Amino acid sequence: MTSGPARTPAPPYYAVIFSSRRTPVDDGYGAVADRMVKLAAGQPGFLGVESARDADGFGITVSYWATLEDIAAWKAEGEHRLAQSSGKQKWYAAFEVRITRVERAYGGP
């Protein structure tokens, strides 16, 4: 899991929000999740990622991308497609993907 907010450029850009509920099956999940973050970071248009999961297995991962085309290319990337298939088959009881355009962003303290 990430340790803080992603450092993104000034908007506009896109966010892919992946919400999921895990199954009890581990079977290498952590290693694959770590690999996907590293692989995504090398993709054109990748801007950052934030991720958290609670003790009951509900998690949210938000990845940030420069364009919708970059998101489509990431979804179609071969190793990512294999991970998606494994997720559907064994790691996720349910999931939802939402894609949105970030128009405004600010932070603090």
Protein backbone atom coordinates (compact mmCIF):
# COMPACT_ATOMS: atom_id res chain seq x y z
CA MET A 1 0.00 0.00 0.00
CA THR A 2 1.13 3.52 -0.63
CA SER A 3 2.26 5.70 2.23
CA GLY A 4 0.79 9.05 1.24
CA PRO A 5 -0.81 11.11 -1.47
CA ALA A 6 0.48 10.74 -5.01
CA ARG A 7 2.29 13.76 -6.41
CA THR A 8 0.30 14.66 -9.48
CA PRO A 9 0.68 17.57 -11.87
CA ALA A 10 -1.78 20.41 -12.16
CA PRO A 11 -5.14 19.24 -13.55
CA PRO A 12 -6.64 18.20 -15.81
CA TYR A 13 -5.73 14.52 -15.71
CA TYR A 14 -7.62 11.28 -15.10
CA ALA A 15 -8.18 9.00 -12.13
CA VAL A 16 -9.01 5.29 -12.27
CA ILE A 17 -10.72 4.30 -9.03
CA PHE A 18 -10.61 0.56 -8.35
CA SER A 19 -12.73 -0.49 -5.36
CA SER A 20 -12.66 -4.13 -4.33
CA ARG A 21 -13.54 -6.68 -1.69
CA ARG A 22 -10.93 -9.44 -1.36
CA THR A 23 -11.63 -13.14 -1.03
CA PRO A 24 -9.77 -15.11 1.67
CA VAL A 25 -7.47 -16.51 -1.06
CA ASP A 26 -3.93 -15.08 -0.96
CA ASP A 27 -2.03 -17.19 -3.53
CA GLY A 28 0.60 -14.56 -4.33
CA TYR A 29 -1.72 -11.54 -4.30
CA GLY A 30 0.76 -9.18 -2.60
CA ALA A 31 3.57 -9.94 -5.02
CA VAL A 32 1.31 -9.45 -8.03
CA ALA A 33 -0.11 -6.20 -6.61
CA ASP A 34 3.41 -4.87 -6.04
CA ARG A 35 4.42 -5.92 -9.55
CA MET A 36 1.41 -4.14 -11.07
CA VAL A 37 2.36 -0.87 -9.34
CA LYS A 38 5.93 -1.15 -10.67
CA LEU A 39 4.70 -2.07 -14.15
CA ALA A 40 2.15 0.77 -14.22
CA ALA A 41 4.83 3.24 -13.16
CA GLY A 42 6.72 2.46 -16.36
CA GLN A 43 3.72 3.01 -18.64
CA PRO A 44 3.31 6.16 -20.73
CA GLY A 45 1.05 8.68 -19.01
CA PHE A 46 1.25 7.18 -15.52
CA LEU A 47 1.19 9.95 -12.91
CA GLY A 48 0.91 8.14 -9.57
CA VAL A 49 -1.06 5.76 -7.37
CA GLU A 50 -2.66 5.66 -3.94
CA SER A 51 -3.97 2.51 -2.28
CA ALA A 52 -5.50 1.41 1.02
CA ARG A 53 -7.24 -1.72 2.32
CA ASP A 54 -9.08 -2.25 5.59
CA ALA A 55 -8.96 -5.27 7.90
CA ASP A 56 -12.19 -6.64 6.40
CA GLY A 57 -10.70 -6.83 2.90
CA PHE A 58 -12.30 -3.74 1.34
CA GLY A 59 -9.79 -1.66 -0.60
CA ILE A 60 -9.51 1.29 -2.92
CA THR A 61 -6.68 1.94 -5.35
CA VAL A 62 -6.63 5.17 -7.33
CA SER A 63 -4.21 5.47 -10.23
CA TYR A 64 -3.67 8.75 -12.05
CA TRP A 65 -3.10 9.07 -15.79
CA ALA A 66 -2.47 11.83 -18.31
CA THR A 67 -5.02 10.70 -20.92
CA LEU A 68 -7.85 8.26 -21.55
CA GLU A 69 -5.65 6.62 -24.19
CA ASP A 70 -3.00 5.95 -21.53
CA ILE A 71 -5.65 4.28 -19.36
CA ALA A 72 -6.82 2.11 -22.26
CA ALA A 73 -3.23 1.07 -23.02
CA TRP A 74 -2.69 0.11 -19.36
CA LYS A 75 -5.90 -1.93 -19.30
CA ALA A 76 -4.73 -3.80 -22.41
CA GLU A 77 -1.12 -4.40 -21.26
CA GLY A 78 -0.42 -8.15 -21.36
CA GLU A 79 0.88 -8.78 -17.85
CA HIS A 80 -1.83 -6.52 -16.42
CA ARG A 81 -4.47 -8.51 -18.32
CA LEU A 82 -3.19 -11.72 -16.70
CA ALA A 83 -3.41 -10.09 -13.27
CA GLN A 84 -6.95 -8.91 -14.04
CA SER A 85 -7.93 -12.46 -14.93
CA SER A 86 -6.44 -13.84 -11.70
CA GLY A 87 -8.24 -11.15 -9.73
CA LYS A 88 -11.59 -12.09 -11.22
CA GLN A 89 -10.97 -15.81 -10.70
CA LYS A 90 -9.56 -15.88 -7.17
CA TRP A 91 -8.71 -12.59 -5.42
CA TYR A 92 -11.82 -10.42 -5.63
CA ALA A 93 -15.29 -11.26 -4.36
CA ALA A 94 -16.45 -8.01 -5.99
CA PHE A 95 -14.91 -5.00 -7.67
CA GLU A 96 -15.87 -1.75 -9.37
CA VAL A 97 -13.82 0.45 -11.70
CA ARG A 98 -14.63 4.12 -12.16
CA ILE A 99 -12.79 6.54 -14.44
CA THR A 100 -13.04 10.27 -13.93
CA ARG A 101 -11.40 13.47 -15.10
CA VAL A 102 -9.77 15.49 -12.34
CA GLU A 103 -10.60 19.14 -12.92
CA ARG A 104 -9.36 20.59 -9.66
CA ALA A 105 -6.96 19.43 -6.96
CA TYR A 106 -5.50 21.02 -3.85
CA GLY A 107 -3.96 19.94 -0.55
CA GLY A 108 -2.60 21.07 2.74
CA PRO A 109 -1.89 21.34 5.69
